[in-house]
Amino acid sequence: LDTDATNGLQMVIDACSVAWTEGGTAPAYTYTCTGTTSLVVAA
């Protein structure tokens, strides 16, 4: 999952100008931004 750089896990990080709104059922959280989003780390 971490050693296969192509088919293993890929990461993206973004930021919201306000706290993210949490949804979903733990641990399957989902998040939406009611403010402005910006890219912090591309895939």
PDB file of all heavy atoms in Angstrom:
ATOM      1  N   LEU A   1       0.828  -1.216   0.000  1.00  0.00           N
ATOM      2  CA  LEU A   1       0.000   0.000   0.000  1.00  0.00           C
ATOM      3  C   LEU A   1       0.859   1.263   0.000  1.00  0.00           C
ATOM      4  O   LEU A   1       0.446   2.297  -0.536  1.00  0.00           O
ATOM      5  CB  LEU A   1      -0.930   0.013   1.214  1.00  0.00           C
ATOM      6  CG  LEU A   1      -2.080  -1.001   1.215  1.00  0.00           C
ATOM      7  CD1 LEU A   1      -2.814  -0.968   2.545  1.00  0.00           C
ATOM      8  CD2 LEU A   1      -3.042  -0.723   0.065  1.00  0.00           C
ATOM      9  N   ASP A   2       2.047   1.190   0.605  1.00  0.00           N
ATOM     10  CA  ASP A   2       2.919   2.366   0.625  1.00  0.00           C
ATOM     11  C   ASP A   2       4.155   2.210  -0.260  1.00  0.00           C
ATOM     12  O   ASP A   2       4.754   3.203  -0.655  1.00  0.00           O
ATOM     13  CB  ASP A   2       3.348   2.704   2.061  1.00  0.00           C
ATOM     14  CG  ASP A   2       4.165   1.598   2.698  1.00  0.00           C
ATOM     15  OD1 ASP A   2       5.387   1.550   2.498  1.00  0.00           O
ATOM     16  OD2 ASP A   2       3.568   0.781   3.437  1.00  0.00           O
ATOM     17  N   THR A   3       4.540   0.976  -0.605  1.00  0.00           N
ATOM     18  CA  THR A   3       5.746   0.796  -1.427  1.00  0.00           C
ATOM     19  C   THR A   3       5.453   0.848  -2.924  1.00  0.00           C
ATOM     20  O   THR A   3       6.354   1.161  -3.712  1.00  0.00           O
ATOM     21  CB  THR A   3       6.435  -0.532  -1.097  1.00  0.00           C
ATOM     22  OG1 THR A   3       5.533  -1.627  -1.350  1.00  0.00           O
ATOM     23  CG2 THR A   3       6.874  -0.564   0.369  1.00  0.00           C
ATOM     24  N   ASP A   4       4.228   0.576  -3.331  1.00  0.00           N
ATOM     25  CA  ASP A   4       3.858   0.656  -4.751  1.00  0.00           C
ATOM     26  C   ASP A   4       3.466   2.096  -5.055  1.00  0.00           C
ATOM     27  O   ASP A   4       2.356   2.538  -4.747  1.00  0.00           O
ATOM     28  CB  ASP A   4       2.697  -0.296  -5.052  1.00  0.00           C
ATOM     29  CG  ASP A   4       2.396  -0.408  -6.547  1.00  0.00           C
ATOM     30  OD1 ASP A   4       2.683   0.556  -7.293  1.00  0.00           O
ATOM     31  OD2 ASP A   4       1.863  -1.445  -6.975  1.00  0.00           O
ATOM     32  N   ALA A   5       4.407   2.844  -5.645  1.00  0.00           N
ATOM     33  CA  ALA A   5       4.191   4.277  -5.861  1.00  0.00           C
ATOM     34  C   ALA A   5       3.125   4.561  -6.905  1.00  0.00           C
ATOM     35  O   ALA A   5       2.578   5.666  -6.941  1.00  0.00           O
ATOM     36  CB  ALA A   5       5.498   4.947  -6.271  1.00  0.00           C
ATOM     37  N   THR A   6       2.800   3.568  -7.741  1.00  0.00           N
ATOM     38  CA  THR A   6       1.810   3.781  -8.812  1.00  0.00           C
ATOM     39  C   THR A   6       0.423   3.309  -8.414  1.00  0.00           C
ATOM     40  O   THR A   6      -0.572   4.032  -8.556  1.00  0.00           O
ATOM     41  CB  THR A   6       2.256   3.064 -10.097  1.00  0.00           C
ATOM     42  OG1 THR A   6       3.530   3.564 -10.498  1.00  0.00           O
ATOM     43  CG2 THR A   6       1.242   3.278 -11.219  1.00  0.00           C
ATOM     44  N   ASN A   7       0.333   2.092  -7.918  1.00  0.00           N
ATOM     45  CA  ASN A   7      -0.966   1.510  -7.592  1.00  0.00           C
ATOM     46  C   ASN A   7      -1.281   1.535  -6.099  1.00  0.00           C
ATOM     47  O   ASN A   7      -2.384   1.172  -5.696  1.00  0.00           O
ATOM     48  CB  ASN A   7      -1.032   0.067  -8.099  1.00  0.00           C
ATOM     49  CG  ASN A   7      -0.883  -0.012  -9.603  1.00  0.00           C
ATOM     50  OD1 ASN A   7      -1.616   0.640 -10.343  1.00  0.00           O
ATOM     51  ND2 ASN A   7       0.091  -0.804 -10.078  1.00  0.00           N
ATOM     52  N   GLY A   8      -0.294   1.961  -5.283  1.00  0.00           N
ATOM     53  CA  GLY A   8      -0.539   2.090  -3.857  1.00  0.00           C
ATOM     54  C   GLY A   8      -1.245   3.398  -3.526  1.00  0.00           C
ATOM     55  O   GLY A   8      -1.699   4.132  -4.419  1.00  0.00           O
ATOM     56  N   LEU A   9      -1.331   3.688  -2.257  1.00  0.00           N
ATOM     57  CA  LEU A   9      -2.075   4.866  -1.799  1.00  0.00           C
ATOM     58  C   LEU A   9      -1.502   6.161  -2.366  1.00  0.00           C
ATOM     59  O   LEU A   9      -0.292   6.376  -2.375  1.00  0.00           O
ATOM     60  CB  LEU A   9      -2.060   4.929  -0.274  1.00  0.00           C
ATOM     61  CG  LEU A   9      -2.844   3.833   0.456  1.00  0.00           C
ATOM     62  CD1 LEU A   9      -2.523   3.864   1.944  1.00  0.00           C
ATOM     63  CD2 LEU A   9      -4.346   3.986   0.220  1.00  0.00           C
ATOM     64  N   GLN A  10      -2.401   7.034  -2.810  1.00  0.00           N
ATOM     65  CA  GLN A  10      -2.049   8.366  -3.309  1.00  0.00           C
ATOM     66  C   GLN A  10      -2.645   9.399  -2.355  1.00  0.00           C
ATOM     67  O   GLN A  10      -3.724   9.203  -1.804  1.00  0.00           O
ATOM     68  CB  GLN A  10      -2.591   8.577  -4.724  1.00  0.00           C
ATOM     69  CG  GLN A  10      -2.141   7.511  -5.717  1.00  0.00           C
ATOM     70  CD  GLN A  10      -0.645   7.513  -5.944  1.00  0.00           C
ATOM     71  OE1 GLN A  10      -0.062   8.548  -6.298  1.00  0.00           O
ATOM     72  NE2 GLN A  10       0.000   6.363  -5.735  1.00  0.00           N
ATOM     73  N   MET A  11      -1.944  10.490  -2.179  1.00  0.00           N
ATOM     74  CA  MET A  11      -2.356  11.502  -1.196  1.00  0.00           C
ATOM     75  C   MET A  11      -2.558  12.860  -1.854  1.00  0.00           C
ATOM     76  O   MET A  11      -1.760  13.278  -2.704  1.00  0.00           O
ATOM     77  CB  MET A  11      -1.281  11.618  -0.102  1.00  0.00           C
ATOM     78  CG  MET A  11      -1.551  12.699   0.944  1.00  0.00           C
ATOM     79  SD  MET A  11      -0.312  12.699   2.286  1.00  0.00           S
ATOM     80  CE  MET A  11       1.174  13.175   1.369  1.00  0.00           C
ATOM     81  N   VAL A  12      -3.611  13.544  -1.423  1.00  0.00           N
ATOM     82  CA  VAL A  12      -3.864  14.938  -1.787  1.00  0.00           C
ATOM     83  C   VAL A  12      -4.200  15.685  -0.508  1.00  0.00           C
ATOM     84  O   VAL A  12      -4.934  15.169   0.351  1.00  0.00           O
ATOM     85  CB  VAL A  12      -5.028  15.067  -2.792  1.00  0.00           C
ATOM     86  CG1 VAL A  12      -5.372  16.534  -3.025  1.00  0.00           C
ATOM     87  CG2 VAL A  12      -4.689  14.384  -4.109  1.00  0.00           C
ATOM     88  N   ILE A  13      -3.683  16.896  -0.370  1.00  0.00           N
ATOM     89  CA  ILE A  13      -4.018  17.720   0.791  1.00  0.00           C
ATOM     90  C   ILE A  13      -4.553  19.055   0.306  1.00  0.00           C
ATOM     91  O   ILE A  13      -3.950  19.707  -0.553  1.00  0.00           O
ATOM     92  CB  ILE A  13      -2.788  17.966   1.690  1.00  0.00           C
ATOM     93  CG1 ILE A  13      -2.200  16.642   2.171  1.00  0.00           C
ATOM     94  CG2 ILE A  13      -3.177  18.841   2.891  1.00  0.00           C
ATOM     95  CD1 ILE A  13      -0.952  16.802   3.024  1.00  0.00           C
ATOM     96  N   ASP A  14      -5.707  19.443   0.833  1.00  0.00           N
ATOM     97  CA  ASP A  14      -6.242  20.772   0.551  1.00  0.00           C
ATOM     98  C   ASP A  14      -6.641  21.431   1.860  1.00  0.00           C
ATOM     99  O   ASP A  14      -6.665  20.799   2.917  1.00  0.00           O
ATOM    100  CB  ASP A  14      -7.396  20.749  -0.456  1.00  0.00           C
ATOM    101  CG  ASP A  14      -8.488  19.759  -0.092  1.00  0.00           C
ATOM    102  OD1 ASP A  14      -8.417  19.152   0.989  1.00  0.00           O
ATOM    103  OD2 ASP A  14      -9.430  19.598  -0.886  1.00  0.00           O
ATOM    104  N   ALA A  15      -6.909  22.722   1.795  1.00  0.00           N
ATOM    105  CA  ALA A  15      -7.234  23.492   2.996  1.00  0.00           C
ATOM    106  C   ALA A  15      -8.530  24.248   2.781  1.00  0.00           C
ATOM    107  O   ALA A  15      -8.882  24.624   1.654  1.00  0.00           O
ATOM    108  CB  ALA A  15      -6.119  24.473   3.322  1.00  0.00           C
ATOM    109  N   CYS A  16      -9.254  24.463   3.874  1.00  0.00           N
ATOM    110  CA  CYS A  16     -10.473  25.268   3.858  1.00  0.00           C
ATOM    111  C   CYS A  16     -10.212  26.520   4.694  1.00  0.00           C
ATOM    112  O   CYS A  16      -9.512  26.474   5.713  1.00  0.00           O
ATOM    113  CB  CYS A  16     -11.638  24.472   4.438  1.00  0.00           C
ATOM    114  SG  CYS A  16     -13.229  25.359   4.407  1.00  0.00           S
ATOM    115  N   SER A  17     -10.753  27.639   4.246  1.00  0.00           N
ATOM    116  CA  SER A  17     -10.533  28.904   4.959  1.00  0.00           C
ATOM    117  C   SER A  17     -11.226  28.927   6.317  1.00  0.00           C
ATOM    118  O   SER A  17     -10.912  29.781   7.162  1.00  0.00           O
ATOM    119  CB  SER A  17     -11.021  30.079   4.105  1.00  0.00           C
ATOM    120  OG  SER A  17     -12.392  29.912   3.778  1.00  0.00           O
ATOM    121  N   VAL A  18     -12.169  28.004   6.531  1.00  0.00           N
ATOM    122  CA  VAL A  18     -12.825  27.835   7.832  1.00  0.00           C
ATOM    123  C   VAL A  18     -12.745  26.358   8.197  1.00  0.00           C
ATOM    124  O   VAL A  18     -12.287  25.537   7.394  1.00  0.00           O
ATOM    125  CB  VAL A  18     -14.303  28.297   7.793  1.00  0.00           C
ATOM    126  CG1 VAL A  18     -14.394  29.787   7.507  1.00  0.00           C
ATOM    127  CG2 VAL A  18     -15.095  27.496   6.758  1.00  0.00           C
ATOM    128  N   ALA A  19     -13.138  26.013   9.399  1.00  0.00           N
ATOM    129  CA  ALA A  19     -13.088  24.607   9.802  1.00  0.00           C
ATOM    130  C   ALA A  19     -13.976  23.763   8.887  1.00  0.00           C
ATOM    131  O   ALA A  19     -15.078  24.171   8.487  1.00  0.00           O
ATOM    132  CB  ALA A  19     -13.534  24.470  11.247  1.00  0.00           C
ATOM    133  N   TRP A  20     -13.482  22.587   8.524  1.00  0.00           N
ATOM    134  CA  TRP A  20     -14.243  21.680   7.678  1.00  0.00           C
ATOM    135  C   TRP A  20     -15.506  21.215   8.396  1.00  0.00           C
ATOM    136  O   TRP A  20     -15.509  21.021   9.614  1.00  0.00           O
ATOM    137  CB  TRP A  20     -13.399  20.463   7.316  1.00  0.00           C
ATOM    138  CG  TRP A  20     -12.244  20.759   6.394  1.00  0.00           C
ATOM    139  CD1 TRP A  20     -10.979  21.109   6.757  1.00  0.00           C
ATOM    140  CD2 TRP A  20     -12.273  20.733   4.970  1.00  0.00           C
ATOM    141  NE1 TRP A  20     -10.211  21.313   5.647  1.00  0.00           N
ATOM    142  CE2 TRP A  20     -10.973  21.082   4.531  1.00  0.00           C
ATOM    143  CE3 TRP A  20     -13.251  20.454   4.017  1.00  0.00           C
ATOM    144  CZ2 TRP A  20     -10.613  21.157   3.188  1.00  0.00           C
ATOM    145  CZ3 TRP A  20     -12.910  20.521   2.678  1.00  0.00           C
ATOM    146  CH2 TRP A  20     -11.615  20.877   2.263  1.00  0.00           C
ATOM    147  N   THR A  21     -16.569  21.016   7.636  1.00  0.00           N
ATOM    148  CA  THR A  21     -17.808  20.473   8.187  1.00  0.00           C
ATOM    149  C   THR A  21     -17.751  18.955   8.064  1.00  0.00           C
ATOM    150  O   THR A  21     -17.617  18.413   6.961  1.00  0.00           O
ATOM    151  CB  THR A  21     -19.034  21.004   7.442  1.00  0.00           C
ATOM    152  OG1 THR A  21     -19.073  22.442   7.567  1.00  0.00           O
ATOM    153  CG2 THR A  21     -20.319  20.419   8.017  1.00  0.00           C
ATOM    154  N   GLU A  22     -17.828  18.291   9.206  1.00  0.00           N
ATOM    155  CA  GLU A  22     -17.662  16.835   9.239  1.00  0.00           C
ATOM    156  C   GLU A  22     -18.995  16.131   9.032  1.00  0.00           C
ATOM    157  O   GLU A  22     -20.013  16.493   9.618  1.00  0.00           O
ATOM    158  CB  GLU A  22     -17.037  16.427  10.574  1.00  0.00           C
ATOM    159  CG  GLU A  22     -16.649  14.963  10.675  1.00  0.00           C
ATOM    160  CD  GLU A  22     -15.905  14.666  11.956  1.00  0.00           C
ATOM    161  OE1 GLU A  22     -16.578  14.465  12.998  1.00  0.00           O
ATOM    162  OE2 GLU A  22     -14.649  14.660  11.933  1.00  0.00           O
ATOM    163  N   GLY A  23     -18.971  15.107   8.190  1.00  0.00           N
ATOM    164  CA  GLY A  23     -20.150  14.282   7.957  1.00  0.00           C
ATOM    165  C   GLY A  23     -19.745  12.819   7.949  1.00  0.00           C
ATOM    166  O   GLY A  23     -18.611  12.462   8.260  1.00  0.00           O
ATOM    167  N   GLY A  24     -20.677  11.967   7.565  1.00  0.00           N
ATOM    168  CA  GLY A  24     -20.388  10.541   7.523  1.00  0.00           C
ATOM    169  C   GLY A  24     -20.483   9.910   8.894  1.00  0.00           C
ATOM    170  O   GLY A  24     -20.757  10.565   9.908  1.00  0.00           O
ATOM    171  N   THR A  25     -20.228   8.623   8.931  1.00  0.00           N
ATOM    172  CA  THR A  25     -20.262   7.856  10.169  1.00  0.00           C
ATOM    173  C   THR A  25     -18.865   7.349  10.474  1.00  0.00           C
ATOM    174  O   THR A  25     -18.219   6.743   9.609  1.00  0.00           O
ATOM    175  CB  THR A  25     -21.234   6.665  10.042  1.00  0.00           C
ATOM    176  OG1 THR A  25     -22.540   7.152   9.705  1.00  0.00           O
ATOM    177  CG2 THR A  25     -21.310   5.882  11.344  1.00  0.00           C
ATOM    178  N   ALA A  26     -18.391   7.611  11.681  1.00  0.00           N
ATOM    179  CA  ALA A  26     -17.033   7.198  12.058  1.00  0.00           C
ATOM    180  C   ALA A  26     -16.837   5.696  11.822  1.00  0.00           C
ATOM    181  O   ALA A  26     -17.734   4.908  12.117  1.00  0.00           O
ATOM    182  CB  ALA A  26     -16.785   7.536  13.516  1.00  0.00           C
ATOM    183  N   PRO A  27     -15.684   5.306  11.259  1.00  0.00           N
ATOM    184  CA  PRO A  27     -14.572   6.177  10.878  1.00  0.00           C
ATOM    185  C   PRO A  27     -14.646   6.678   9.432  1.00  0.00           C
ATOM    186  O   PRO A  27     -13.687   7.298   8.970  1.00  0.00           O
ATOM    187  CB  PRO A  27     -13.376   5.251  11.049  1.00  0.00           C
ATOM    188  CG  PRO A  27     -13.901   3.915  10.650  1.00  0.00           C
ATOM    189  CD  PRO A  27     -15.325   3.880  11.129  1.00  0.00           C
ATOM    190  N   ALA A  28     -15.762   6.419   8.761  1.00  0.00           N
ATOM    191  CA  ALA A  28     -15.878   6.807   7.347  1.00  0.00           C
ATOM    192  C   ALA A  28     -16.332   8.261   7.239  1.00  0.00           C
ATOM    193  O   ALA A  28     -17.427   8.578   6.765  1.00  0.00           O
ATOM    194  CB  ALA A  28     -16.856   5.881   6.627  1.00  0.00           C
ATOM    195  N   TYR A  29     -15.453   9.175   7.666  1.00  0.00           N
ATOM    196  CA  TYR A  29     -15.792  10.591   7.664  1.00  0.00           C
ATOM    197  C   TYR A  29     -15.777  11.152   6.245  1.00  0.00           C
ATOM    198  O   TYR A  29     -15.038  10.716   5.372  1.00  0.00           O
ATOM    199  CB  TYR A  29     -14.784  11.379   8.506  1.00  0.00           C
ATOM    200  CG  TYR A  29     -14.764  10.992   9.968  1.00  0.00           C
ATOM    201  CD1 TYR A  29     -13.658  10.312  10.503  1.00  0.00           C
ATOM    202  CD2 TYR A  29     -15.809  11.316  10.829  1.00  0.00           C
ATOM    203  CE1 TYR A  29     -13.624   9.974  11.846  1.00  0.00           C
ATOM    204  CE2 TYR A  29     -15.766  10.982  12.165  1.00  0.00           C
ATOM    205  CZ  TYR A  29     -14.671  10.307  12.666  1.00  0.00           C
ATOM    206  OH  TYR A  29     -14.641   9.965  14.001  1.00  0.00           O
ATOM    207  N   THR A  30     -16.622  12.173   6.047  1.00  0.00           N
ATOM    208  CA  THR A  30     -16.572  12.990   4.833  1.00  0.00           C
ATOM    209  C   THR A  30     -16.531  14.454   5.274  1.00  0.00           C
ATOM    210  O   THR A  30     -16.993  14.802   6.372  1.00  0.00           O
ATOM    211  CB  THR A  30     -17.797  12.760   3.938  1.00  0.00           C
ATOM    212  OG1 THR A  30     -18.987  13.096   4.675  1.00  0.00           O
ATOM    213  CG2 THR A  30     -17.865  11.304   3.470  1.00  0.00           C
ATOM    214  N   TYR A  31     -15.992  15.318   4.410  1.00  0.00           N
ATOM    215  CA  TYR A  31     -15.818  16.711   4.801  1.00  0.00           C
ATOM    216  C   TYR A  31     -16.180  17.640   3.650  1.00  0.00           C
ATOM    217  O   TYR A  31     -15.839  17.395   2.494  1.00  0.00           O
ATOM    218  CB  TYR A  31     -14.373  16.959   5.235  1.00  0.00           C
ATOM    219  CG  TYR A  31     -14.011  16.200   6.481  1.00  0.00           C
ATOM    220  CD1 TYR A  31     -13.423  14.937   6.397  1.00  0.00           C
ATOM    221  CD2 TYR A  31     -14.290  16.710   7.743  1.00  0.00           C
ATOM    222  CE1 TYR A  31     -13.110  14.227   7.544  1.00  0.00           C
ATOM    223  CE2 TYR A  31     -13.984  15.998   8.889  1.00  0.00           C
ATOM    224  CZ  TYR A  31     -13.390  14.755   8.788  1.00  0.00           C
ATOM    225  OH  TYR A  31     -13.099  14.043   9.926  1.00  0.00           O
ATOM    226  N   THR A  32     -16.865  18.707   4.000  1.00  0.00           N
ATOM    227  CA  THR A  32     -17.189  19.757   3.038  1.00  0.00           C
ATOM    228  C   THR A  32     -16.712  21.097   3.593  1.00  0.00           C
ATOM    229  O   THR A  32     -16.614  21.294   4.809  1.00  0.00           O
ATOM    230  CB  THR A  32     -18.702  19.821   2.768  1.00  0.00           C
ATOM    231  OG1 THR A  32     -19.402  19.986   4.015  1.00  0.00           O
ATOM    232  CG2 THR A  32     -19.185  18.549   2.075  1.00  0.00           C
ATOM    233  N   CYS A  33     -16.424  22.014   2.674  1.00  0.00           N
ATOM    234  CA  CYS A  33     -15.913  23.334   3.048  1.00  0.00           C
ATOM    235  C   CYS A  33     -16.964  24.383   2.727  1.00  0.00           C
ATOM    236  O   CYS A  33     -17.431  24.493   1.589  1.00  0.00           O
ATOM    237  CB  CYS A  33     -14.620  23.626   2.288  1.00  0.00           C
ATOM    238  SG  CYS A  33     -13.936  25.268   2.609  1.00  0.00           S
ATOM    239  N   THR A  34     -17.355  25.165   3.726  1.00  0.00           N
ATOM    240  CA  THR A  34     -18.316  26.237   3.512  1.00  0.00           C
ATOM    241  C   THR A  34     -17.618  27.561   3.200  1.00  0.00           C
ATOM    242  O   THR A  34     -18.281  28.568   2.998  1.00  0.00           O
ATOM    243  CB  THR A  34     -19.214  26.415   4.751  1.00  0.00           C
ATOM    244  OG1 THR A  34     -18.388  26.702   5.886  1.00  0.00           O
ATOM    245  CG2 THR A  34     -20.025  25.150   5.011  1.00  0.00           C
ATOM    246  N   GLY A  35     -16.297  27.521   3.170  1.00  0.00           N
ATOM    247  CA  GLY A  35     -15.528  28.708   2.826  1.00  0.00           C
ATOM    248  C   GLY A  35     -14.852  28.520   1.482  1.00  0.00           C
ATOM    249  O   GLY A  35     -15.462  28.056   0.521  1.00  0.00           O
ATOM    250  N   THR A  36     -13.571  28.861   1.432  1.00  0.00           N
ATOM    251  CA  THR A  36     -12.793  28.763   0.203  1.00  0.00           C
ATOM    252  C   THR A  36     -11.735  27.671   0.360  1.00  0.00           C
ATOM    253  O   THR A  36     -11.055  27.598   1.391  1.00  0.00           O
ATOM    254  CB  THR A  36     -12.084  30.102  -0.090  1.00  0.00           C
ATOM    255  OG1 THR A  36     -13.076  31.128  -0.187  1.00  0.00           O
ATOM    256  CG2 THR A  36     -11.296  30.030  -1.382  1.00  0.00           C
ATOM    257  N   THR A  37     -11.605  26.828  -0.669  1.00  0.00           N
ATOM    258  CA  THR A  37     -10.607  25.764  -0.626  1.00  0.00           C
ATOM    259  C   THR A  37      -9.364  26.166  -1.437  1.00  0.00           C
ATOM    260  O   THR A  37      -9.449  26.951  -2.380  1.00  0.00           O
ATOM    261  CB  THR A  37     -11.155  24.438  -1.177  1.00  0.00           C
ATOM    262  OG1 THR A  37     -11.560  24.623  -2.533  1.00  0.00           O
ATOM    263  CG2 THR A  37     -12.330  23.951  -0.343  1.00  0.00           C
ATOM    264  N   SER A  38      -8.210  25.622  -1.036  1.00  0.00           N
ATOM    265  CA  SER A  38      -6.963  25.836  -1.759  1.00  0.00           C
ATOM    266  C   SER A  38      -6.138  24.562  -1.703  1.00  0.00           C
ATOM    267  O   SER A  38      -6.211  23.793  -0.735  1.00  0.00           O
ATOM    268  CB  SER A  38      -6.181  27.012  -1.170  1.00  0.00           C
ATOM    269  OG  SER A  38      -5.966  26.829   0.220  1.00  0.00           O
ATOM    270  N   LEU A  39      -5.354  24.338  -2.745  1.00  0.00           N
ATOM    271  CA  LEU A  39      -4.545  23.124  -2.840  1.00  0.00           C
ATOM    272  C   LEU A  39      -3.259  23.311  -2.042  1.00  0.00           C
ATOM    273  O   LEU A  39      -2.533  24.301  -2.208  1.00  0.00           O
ATOM    274  CB  LEU A  39      -4.226  22.819  -4.299  1.00  0.00           C
ATOM    275  CG  LEU A  39      -3.457  21.522  -4.562  1.00  0.00           C
ATOM    276  CD1 LEU A  39      -4.288  20.313  -4.154  1.00  0.00           C
ATOM    277  CD2 LEU A  39      -3.055  21.429  -6.031  1.00  0.00           C
ATOM    278  N   VAL A  40      -2.973  22.353  -1.192  1.00  0.00           N
ATOM    279  CA  VAL A  40      -1.774  22.401  -0.353  1.00  0.00           C
ATOM    280  C   VAL A  40      -0.711  21.438  -0.875  1.00  0.00           C
ATOM    281  O   VAL A  40       0.465  21.788  -0.974  1.00  0.00           O
ATOM    282  CB  VAL A  40      -2.127  22.081   1.116  1.00  0.00           C
ATOM    283  CG1 VAL A  40      -0.875  22.029   1.995  1.00  0.00           C
ATOM    284  CG2 VAL A  40      -3.106  23.125   1.668  1.00  0.00           C
ATOM    285  N   VAL A  41      -1.106  20.220  -1.213  1.00  0.00           N
ATOM    286  CA  VAL A  41      -0.210  19.235  -1.826  1.00  0.00           C
ATOM    287  C   VAL A  41      -0.974  18.546  -2.944  1.00  0.00           C
ATOM    288  O   VAL A  41      -2.041  17.974  -2.710  1.00  0.00           O
ATOM    289  CB  VAL A  41       0.288  18.183  -0.812  1.00  0.00           C
ATOM    290  CG1 VAL A  41       1.110  17.095  -1.520  1.00  0.00           C
ATOM    291  CG2 VAL A  41       1.119  18.838   0.286  1.00  0.00           C
ATOM    292  N   ALA A  42      -0.447  18.598  -4.159  1.00  0.00           N
ATOM    293  CA  ALA A  42      -1.075  17.919  -5.299  1.00  0.00           C
ATOM    294  C   ALA A  42      -0.872  16.409  -5.156  1.00  0.00           C
ATOM    295  O   ALA A  42      -0.059  15.939  -4.351  1.00  0.00           O
ATOM    296  CB  ALA A  42      -0.458  18.421  -6.604  1.00  0.00           C
ATOM    297  N   ALA A  43      -1.628  15.637  -5.945  1.00  0.00           N
ATOM    298  CA  ALA A  43      -1.600  14.178  -5.862  1.00  0.00           C
ATOM    299  C   ALA A  43      -0.171  13.654  -5.933  1.00  0.00           C
ATOM    300  O   ALA A  43       0.604  13.995  -6.816  1.00  0.00           O
ATOM    301  CB  ALA A  43      -2.440  13.592  -6.984  1.00  0.00           C
TER     302      ALA A  43
END
